[in-house]
N, C-alpha and C. Protein backbone atom coordinates (compact mmCIF):
# COMPACT_ATOMS: atom_id res chain seq x y z
N MET A 1 -153.77 -2.47 -127.93
CA MET A 1 -154.45 -1.63 -128.88
C MET A 1 -153.75 -0.27 -128.99
N PHE A 2 -153.46 0.32 -127.82
CA PHE A 2 -152.75 1.59 -127.86
C PHE A 2 -151.37 1.43 -128.51
N ARG A 3 -150.79 0.30 -128.27
CA ARG A 3 -149.47 0.06 -128.83
C ARG A 3 -149.52 -0.02 -130.36
N SER A 4 -150.49 -0.71 -130.91
CA SER A 4 -150.60 -0.82 -132.36
C SER A 4 -150.91 0.55 -132.97
N ILE A 5 -151.70 1.37 -132.29
CA ILE A 5 -151.99 2.72 -132.79
C ILE A 5 -150.70 3.55 -132.75
N ARG A 6 -149.93 3.40 -131.69
CA ARG A 6 -148.68 4.15 -131.56
C ARG A 6 -147.69 3.73 -132.67
N VAL A 7 -147.63 2.45 -132.99
CA VAL A 7 -146.73 1.97 -134.04
C VAL A 7 -147.18 2.51 -135.39
N ILE A 8 -148.46 2.55 -135.64
CA ILE A 8 -148.98 3.06 -136.90
C ILE A 8 -148.68 4.56 -137.01
N LEU A 9 -148.92 5.31 -135.93
CA LEU A 9 -148.63 6.75 -135.95
C LEU A 9 -147.12 7.00 -136.13
N TRP A 10 -146.32 6.19 -135.50
CA TRP A 10 -144.86 6.31 -135.64
C TRP A 10 -144.45 6.09 -137.09
N GLY A 11 -145.01 5.09 -137.73
CA GLY A 11 -144.71 4.82 -139.13
C GLY A 11 -145.13 5.96 -140.02
N TRP A 12 -146.34 6.56 -139.77
CA TRP A 12 -146.79 7.69 -140.57
C TRP A 12 -145.88 8.91 -140.38
N SER A 13 -145.47 9.11 -139.13
CA SER A 13 -144.58 10.27 -138.89
C SER A 13 -143.24 10.07 -139.59
N LEU A 14 -142.75 8.84 -139.63
CA LEU A 14 -141.50 8.57 -140.31
C LEU A 14 -141.65 8.80 -141.82
N GLU A 15 -142.78 8.36 -142.38
CA GLU A 15 -143.05 8.60 -143.81
C GLU A 15 -143.15 10.10 -144.09
N LEU A 16 -143.79 10.83 -143.19
CA LEU A 16 -143.93 12.27 -143.35
C LEU A 16 -142.57 12.95 -143.26
N GLN A 17 -141.75 12.49 -142.33
CA GLN A 17 -140.40 13.06 -142.19
C GLN A 17 -139.57 12.83 -143.45
N ASN A 18 -139.62 11.64 -144.01
CA ASN A 18 -138.88 11.35 -145.24
C ASN A 18 -139.43 12.16 -146.41
N TRP A 19 -140.73 12.44 -146.41
CA TRP A 19 -141.31 13.22 -147.50
C TRP A 19 -140.92 14.70 -147.36
N LEU A 20 -140.91 15.21 -146.12
CA LEU A 20 -140.58 16.61 -145.89
C LEU A 20 -139.07 16.89 -145.99
N TYR A 21 -138.27 15.96 -145.54
CA TYR A 21 -136.81 16.13 -145.54
C TYR A 21 -136.17 15.03 -146.38
N PRO A 22 -136.18 15.18 -147.70
CA PRO A 22 -135.69 14.10 -148.56
C PRO A 22 -134.14 14.08 -148.64
N TYR A 23 -133.45 15.04 -148.02
CA TYR A 23 -132.00 15.12 -148.15
C TYR A 23 -131.30 14.31 -147.07
N ASP A 24 -131.76 13.12 -146.92
CA ASP A 24 -131.12 12.21 -145.96
C ASP A 24 -129.73 11.86 -146.48
N HIS A 25 -128.77 11.84 -145.60
CA HIS A 25 -127.39 11.58 -146.00
C HIS A 25 -127.15 10.06 -146.10
N ASP A 26 -126.68 9.65 -147.26
CA ASP A 26 -126.32 8.25 -147.48
C ASP A 26 -124.79 8.17 -147.55
N PRO A 27 -124.13 7.41 -146.63
CA PRO A 27 -122.67 7.38 -146.65
C PRO A 27 -122.09 6.84 -147.96
N GLU A 28 -122.88 6.08 -148.69
CA GLU A 28 -122.37 5.55 -149.95
C GLU A 28 -122.23 6.64 -151.00
N GLU A 29 -122.95 7.72 -150.83
CA GLU A 29 -122.84 8.83 -151.78
C GLU A 29 -121.48 9.52 -151.66
N ASP A 30 -120.78 9.37 -150.55
CA ASP A 30 -119.46 9.98 -150.39
C ASP A 30 -118.49 9.47 -151.44
N TYR A 31 -118.69 8.27 -151.91
CA TYR A 31 -117.81 7.70 -152.93
C TYR A 31 -117.89 8.49 -154.23
N TYR A 32 -118.98 9.18 -154.43
CA TYR A 32 -119.22 9.81 -155.72
C TYR A 32 -118.99 11.32 -155.69
N TYR A 33 -118.51 11.86 -154.59
CA TYR A 33 -118.18 13.29 -154.56
C TYR A 33 -116.98 13.54 -155.45
N ARG A 34 -117.03 14.64 -156.14
CA ARG A 34 -115.92 14.99 -157.03
C ARG A 34 -115.07 16.06 -156.35
N VAL A 35 -113.75 15.92 -156.56
CA VAL A 35 -112.79 16.86 -156.04
C VAL A 35 -112.03 17.42 -157.22
N LYS A 36 -111.85 18.75 -157.25
CA LYS A 36 -111.13 19.37 -158.35
C LYS A 36 -109.77 19.83 -157.85
N ASN A 37 -108.76 19.48 -158.61
CA ASN A 37 -107.40 19.94 -158.31
C ASN A 37 -107.26 21.33 -158.88
N ASP A 38 -106.98 22.31 -158.01
CA ASP A 38 -106.91 23.70 -158.48
C ASP A 38 -105.71 23.95 -159.37
N LEU A 39 -104.63 23.22 -159.17
CA LEU A 39 -103.42 23.44 -159.95
C LEU A 39 -103.56 22.91 -161.38
N THR A 40 -104.10 21.70 -161.50
CA THR A 40 -104.18 21.08 -162.83
C THR A 40 -105.56 21.17 -163.44
N GLY A 41 -106.58 21.42 -162.64
CA GLY A 41 -107.93 21.49 -163.16
C GLY A 41 -108.58 20.13 -163.34
N GLU A 42 -107.92 19.05 -162.90
CA GLU A 42 -108.47 17.70 -163.04
C GLU A 42 -109.51 17.45 -161.95
N GLU A 43 -110.51 16.68 -162.31
CA GLU A 43 -111.53 16.29 -161.33
C GLU A 43 -111.41 14.80 -161.05
N HIS A 44 -111.53 14.45 -159.79
CA HIS A 44 -111.43 13.06 -159.36
C HIS A 44 -112.55 12.75 -158.39
N PHE A 45 -112.94 11.49 -158.38
CA PHE A 45 -113.82 11.05 -157.31
C PHE A 45 -112.98 10.91 -156.04
N ILE A 46 -113.60 11.19 -154.92
CA ILE A 46 -112.84 11.16 -153.65
C ILE A 46 -112.23 9.78 -153.43
N MET A 47 -112.95 8.73 -153.68
CA MET A 47 -112.42 7.40 -153.41
C MET A 47 -111.24 7.08 -154.33
N ASP A 48 -111.32 7.51 -155.59
CA ASP A 48 -110.18 7.30 -156.48
C ASP A 48 -108.96 8.08 -155.99
N TRP A 49 -109.21 9.26 -155.51
CA TRP A 49 -108.15 10.12 -155.01
C TRP A 49 -107.49 9.48 -153.78
N ILE A 50 -108.32 8.98 -152.86
CA ILE A 50 -107.81 8.31 -151.66
C ILE A 50 -107.06 7.04 -152.03
N LYS A 51 -107.59 6.27 -152.98
CA LYS A 51 -106.91 5.05 -153.40
C LYS A 51 -105.57 5.33 -154.04
N SER A 52 -105.47 6.42 -154.81
CA SER A 52 -104.17 6.75 -155.42
C SER A 52 -103.15 7.10 -154.34
N PHE A 53 -103.58 7.84 -153.31
CA PHE A 53 -102.66 8.13 -152.20
C PHE A 53 -102.27 6.86 -151.46
N ASP A 54 -103.24 5.97 -151.28
CA ASP A 54 -102.96 4.72 -150.58
C ASP A 54 -101.95 3.88 -151.37
N GLU A 55 -102.11 3.82 -152.68
CA GLU A 55 -101.15 3.06 -153.50
C GLU A 55 -99.75 3.66 -153.42
N ARG A 56 -99.68 4.99 -153.43
CA ARG A 56 -98.36 5.64 -153.32
C ARG A 56 -97.74 5.37 -151.95
N ILE A 57 -98.57 5.40 -150.91
CA ILE A 57 -98.06 5.15 -149.56
C ILE A 57 -97.57 3.72 -149.44
N VAL A 58 -98.33 2.77 -149.96
CA VAL A 58 -97.92 1.37 -149.90
C VAL A 58 -96.63 1.16 -150.68
N GLY A 59 -96.53 1.80 -151.86
CA GLY A 59 -95.29 1.70 -152.64
C GLY A 59 -94.12 2.30 -151.89
N ASN A 60 -94.33 3.44 -151.24
CA ASN A 60 -93.26 4.06 -150.46
C ASN A 60 -92.89 3.21 -149.26
N LEU A 61 -93.87 2.57 -148.63
CA LEU A 61 -93.57 1.72 -147.49
C LEU A 61 -92.73 0.52 -147.90
N ASP A 62 -93.05 -0.05 -149.07
CA ASP A 62 -92.23 -1.16 -149.58
C ASP A 62 -90.80 -0.70 -149.81
N ASP A 63 -90.65 0.48 -150.40
CA ASP A 63 -89.30 1.01 -150.63
C ASP A 63 -88.58 1.28 -149.31
N ILE A 64 -89.29 1.81 -148.34
CA ILE A 64 -88.68 2.11 -147.04
C ILE A 64 -88.25 0.81 -146.35
N LEU A 65 -89.08 -0.21 -146.40
CA LEU A 65 -88.71 -1.48 -145.78
C LEU A 65 -87.51 -2.10 -146.47
N TRP A 66 -87.46 -2.00 -147.81
CA TRP A 66 -86.29 -2.52 -148.54
C TRP A 66 -85.04 -1.74 -148.16
N LEU A 67 -85.16 -0.41 -148.09
CA LEU A 67 -84.01 0.41 -147.72
C LEU A 67 -83.55 0.09 -146.30
N LYS A 68 -84.49 -0.14 -145.41
CA LYS A 68 -84.15 -0.47 -144.02
C LYS A 68 -83.38 -1.79 -143.97
N SER A 69 -83.84 -2.78 -144.73
CA SER A 69 -83.13 -4.07 -144.74
C SER A 69 -81.74 -3.92 -145.36
N GLU A 70 -81.62 -3.08 -146.41
CA GLU A 70 -80.32 -2.85 -147.03
C GLU A 70 -79.37 -2.13 -146.06
N VAL A 71 -79.88 -1.17 -145.31
CA VAL A 71 -79.05 -0.47 -144.33
C VAL A 71 -78.54 -1.44 -143.28
N HIS A 72 -79.43 -2.31 -142.79
CA HIS A 72 -78.99 -3.31 -141.81
C HIS A 72 -77.95 -4.26 -142.39
N ARG A 73 -78.18 -4.69 -143.62
CA ARG A 73 -77.24 -5.60 -144.26
C ARG A 73 -75.88 -4.93 -144.46
N LEU A 74 -75.91 -3.71 -144.94
CA LEU A 74 -74.66 -2.99 -145.18
C LEU A 74 -73.93 -2.65 -143.89
N SER A 75 -74.67 -2.32 -142.84
CA SER A 75 -74.01 -2.04 -141.55
C SER A 75 -73.39 -3.31 -140.98
N ASP A 76 -74.04 -4.46 -141.16
CA ASP A 76 -73.43 -5.73 -140.73
C ASP A 76 -72.18 -6.03 -141.55
N GLU A 77 -72.24 -5.74 -142.86
CA GLU A 77 -71.08 -5.97 -143.71
C GLU A 77 -69.93 -5.04 -143.32
N VAL A 78 -70.23 -3.79 -143.01
CA VAL A 78 -69.19 -2.86 -142.58
C VAL A 78 -68.55 -3.32 -141.28
N LYS A 79 -69.38 -3.81 -140.37
CA LYS A 79 -68.85 -4.30 -139.09
C LYS A 79 -67.92 -5.49 -139.32
N SER A 80 -68.33 -6.42 -140.18
CA SER A 80 -67.48 -7.58 -140.44
C SER A 80 -66.19 -7.16 -141.14
N LEU A 81 -66.26 -6.17 -142.05
CA LEU A 81 -65.06 -5.68 -142.71
C LEU A 81 -64.13 -4.97 -141.73
N GLN A 82 -64.70 -4.24 -140.77
CA GLN A 82 -63.88 -3.59 -139.76
C GLN A 82 -63.18 -4.64 -138.89
N ASP A 83 -63.91 -5.69 -138.53
CA ASP A 83 -63.30 -6.75 -137.73
C ASP A 83 -62.18 -7.43 -138.53
N GLU A 84 -62.43 -7.67 -139.82
CA GLU A 84 -61.42 -8.29 -140.67
C GLU A 84 -60.20 -7.37 -140.80
N ASN A 85 -60.45 -6.06 -140.92
CA ASN A 85 -59.35 -5.10 -141.03
C ASN A 85 -58.50 -5.10 -139.76
N ILE A 86 -59.13 -5.17 -138.61
CA ILE A 86 -58.39 -5.23 -137.35
C ILE A 86 -57.54 -6.49 -137.30
N GLY A 87 -58.12 -7.61 -137.71
CA GLY A 87 -57.37 -8.87 -137.72
C GLY A 87 -56.19 -8.82 -138.67
N LEU A 88 -56.40 -8.26 -139.87
CA LEU A 88 -55.30 -8.16 -140.83
C LEU A 88 -54.22 -7.20 -140.35
N THR A 89 -54.61 -6.11 -139.72
CA THR A 89 -53.64 -5.16 -139.19
C THR A 89 -52.80 -5.81 -138.09
N ASN A 90 -53.46 -6.55 -137.21
CA ASN A 90 -52.71 -7.25 -136.16
C ASN A 90 -51.76 -8.28 -136.75
N ALA A 91 -52.22 -9.00 -137.75
CA ALA A 91 -51.35 -10.00 -138.40
C ALA A 91 -50.17 -9.32 -139.09
N LEU A 92 -50.40 -8.17 -139.71
CA LEU A 92 -49.33 -7.42 -140.37
C LEU A 92 -48.29 -6.93 -139.35
N TYR A 93 -48.75 -6.39 -138.22
CA TYR A 93 -47.81 -5.96 -137.18
C TYR A 93 -47.01 -7.14 -136.62
N GLU A 94 -47.69 -8.27 -136.45
CA GLU A 94 -47.00 -9.46 -135.96
C GLU A 94 -45.93 -9.91 -136.95
N ALA A 95 -46.25 -9.92 -138.24
CA ALA A 95 -45.27 -10.31 -139.27
C ALA A 95 -44.12 -9.31 -139.31
N GLU A 96 -44.43 -8.03 -139.18
CA GLU A 96 -43.39 -7.02 -139.17
C GLU A 96 -42.44 -7.20 -137.98
N ASN A 97 -43.01 -7.46 -136.81
CA ASN A 97 -42.18 -7.69 -135.62
C ASN A 97 -41.31 -8.92 -135.77
N ARG A 98 -41.87 -9.98 -136.32
CA ARG A 98 -41.07 -11.21 -136.54
C ARG A 98 -39.94 -10.94 -137.51
N LEU A 99 -40.24 -10.23 -138.60
CA LEU A 99 -39.23 -9.92 -139.60
C LEU A 99 -38.13 -9.05 -139.01
N GLU A 100 -38.48 -8.06 -138.24
CA GLU A 100 -37.46 -7.22 -137.60
C GLU A 100 -36.59 -8.01 -136.64
N SER A 101 -37.21 -8.92 -135.90
CA SER A 101 -36.40 -9.72 -134.97
C SER A 101 -35.46 -10.66 -135.73
N LYS A 102 -35.90 -11.21 -136.86
CA LYS A 102 -35.03 -12.07 -137.68
C LYS A 102 -33.87 -11.26 -138.26
N ILE A 103 -34.15 -10.06 -138.72
CA ILE A 103 -33.10 -9.20 -139.28
C ILE A 103 -32.10 -8.82 -138.19
N ASP A 104 -32.63 -8.50 -137.01
CA ASP A 104 -31.73 -8.15 -135.90
C ASP A 104 -30.85 -9.34 -135.50
N GLN A 105 -31.36 -10.55 -135.63
CA GLN A 105 -30.55 -11.72 -135.30
C GLN A 105 -29.45 -11.93 -136.35
N ILE A 106 -29.73 -11.64 -137.60
CA ILE A 106 -28.74 -11.83 -138.65
C ILE A 106 -27.69 -10.73 -138.62
N HIS A 107 -28.09 -9.50 -138.57
CA HIS A 107 -27.17 -8.37 -138.61
C HIS A 107 -27.61 -7.35 -137.57
N PRO A 108 -27.03 -7.37 -136.39
CA PRO A 108 -27.44 -6.41 -135.36
C PRO A 108 -27.12 -4.99 -135.78
N VAL A 109 -27.90 -4.10 -135.29
CA VAL A 109 -27.73 -2.69 -135.62
C VAL A 109 -26.54 -2.14 -134.87
N ILE A 110 -25.60 -1.53 -135.61
CA ILE A 110 -24.44 -0.91 -135.01
C ILE A 110 -24.43 0.54 -135.46
N TYR A 111 -24.44 1.39 -134.52
CA TYR A 111 -24.44 2.82 -134.83
C TYR A 111 -23.00 3.32 -134.68
N ASN A 112 -22.45 3.84 -135.73
CA ASN A 112 -21.10 4.40 -135.72
C ASN A 112 -21.21 5.91 -135.64
N ILE A 113 -21.52 6.37 -134.50
CA ILE A 113 -21.63 7.81 -134.31
C ILE A 113 -20.39 8.27 -133.57
N GLN A 114 -19.68 9.14 -134.21
CA GLN A 114 -18.48 9.68 -133.58
C GLN A 114 -18.72 11.15 -133.29
N ASP A 115 -17.88 11.67 -132.50
CA ASP A 115 -18.00 13.06 -132.11
C ASP A 115 -17.37 13.93 -133.18
N LYS A 116 -18.12 14.20 -134.24
CA LYS A 116 -17.62 15.04 -135.32
C LYS A 116 -18.46 16.29 -135.38
N LYS A 117 -17.83 17.34 -135.84
CA LYS A 117 -18.53 18.60 -135.97
C LYS A 117 -19.18 18.66 -137.34
N LEU A 118 -20.19 19.49 -137.45
CA LEU A 118 -20.91 19.65 -138.70
C LEU A 118 -20.03 20.30 -139.76
N ASP A 119 -19.01 21.06 -139.39
CA ASP A 119 -18.12 21.72 -140.34
C ASP A 119 -17.23 20.73 -141.07
N ASP A 120 -17.00 19.57 -140.50
CA ASP A 120 -16.14 18.58 -141.12
C ASP A 120 -16.77 17.94 -142.34
N PHE A 121 -18.07 18.00 -142.42
CA PHE A 121 -18.77 17.37 -143.54
C PHE A 121 -18.85 18.35 -144.71
N THR A 122 -18.57 17.85 -145.91
CA THR A 122 -18.64 18.68 -147.11
C THR A 122 -19.58 18.04 -148.11
N LEU A 123 -20.01 18.82 -149.04
CA LEU A 123 -20.90 18.31 -150.08
C LEU A 123 -20.13 18.04 -151.39
N GLY A 124 -18.87 18.00 -151.35
CA GLY A 124 -18.07 17.75 -152.54
C GLY A 124 -17.15 18.92 -152.82
N ASP A 125 -16.57 18.90 -153.96
CA ASP A 125 -15.59 19.94 -154.32
C ASP A 125 -16.29 21.06 -155.09
N LYS A 126 -16.88 21.88 -154.46
CA LYS A 126 -17.53 23.01 -155.13
C LYS A 126 -16.90 24.29 -154.77
């Protein structure tokens, strides 16, 4: 019996509280707050404003992920080109050495250096 009286009194006090303090905060009302941009003077609902930022962030994230994959791809390509360049350089040096050895076998280098003074050389009849 006391319990049912207490429940009834509790209900009346709750009704009285809602009647006296009608400014109960509803979280769903946050969606309808307006925000004014001081620079442009435009007014937006907060949720629209947040959604626009979210869309821009998602778009930027997609671009960042694409750029990251491109950087990895290009760095792998640079590494393979560097390896290929090293291989081609080594092959070129090898071919040059072979060619020099073949030339030396055909016509050995003979240096005809004699003990002459620099005064003996002329530039012609001037």
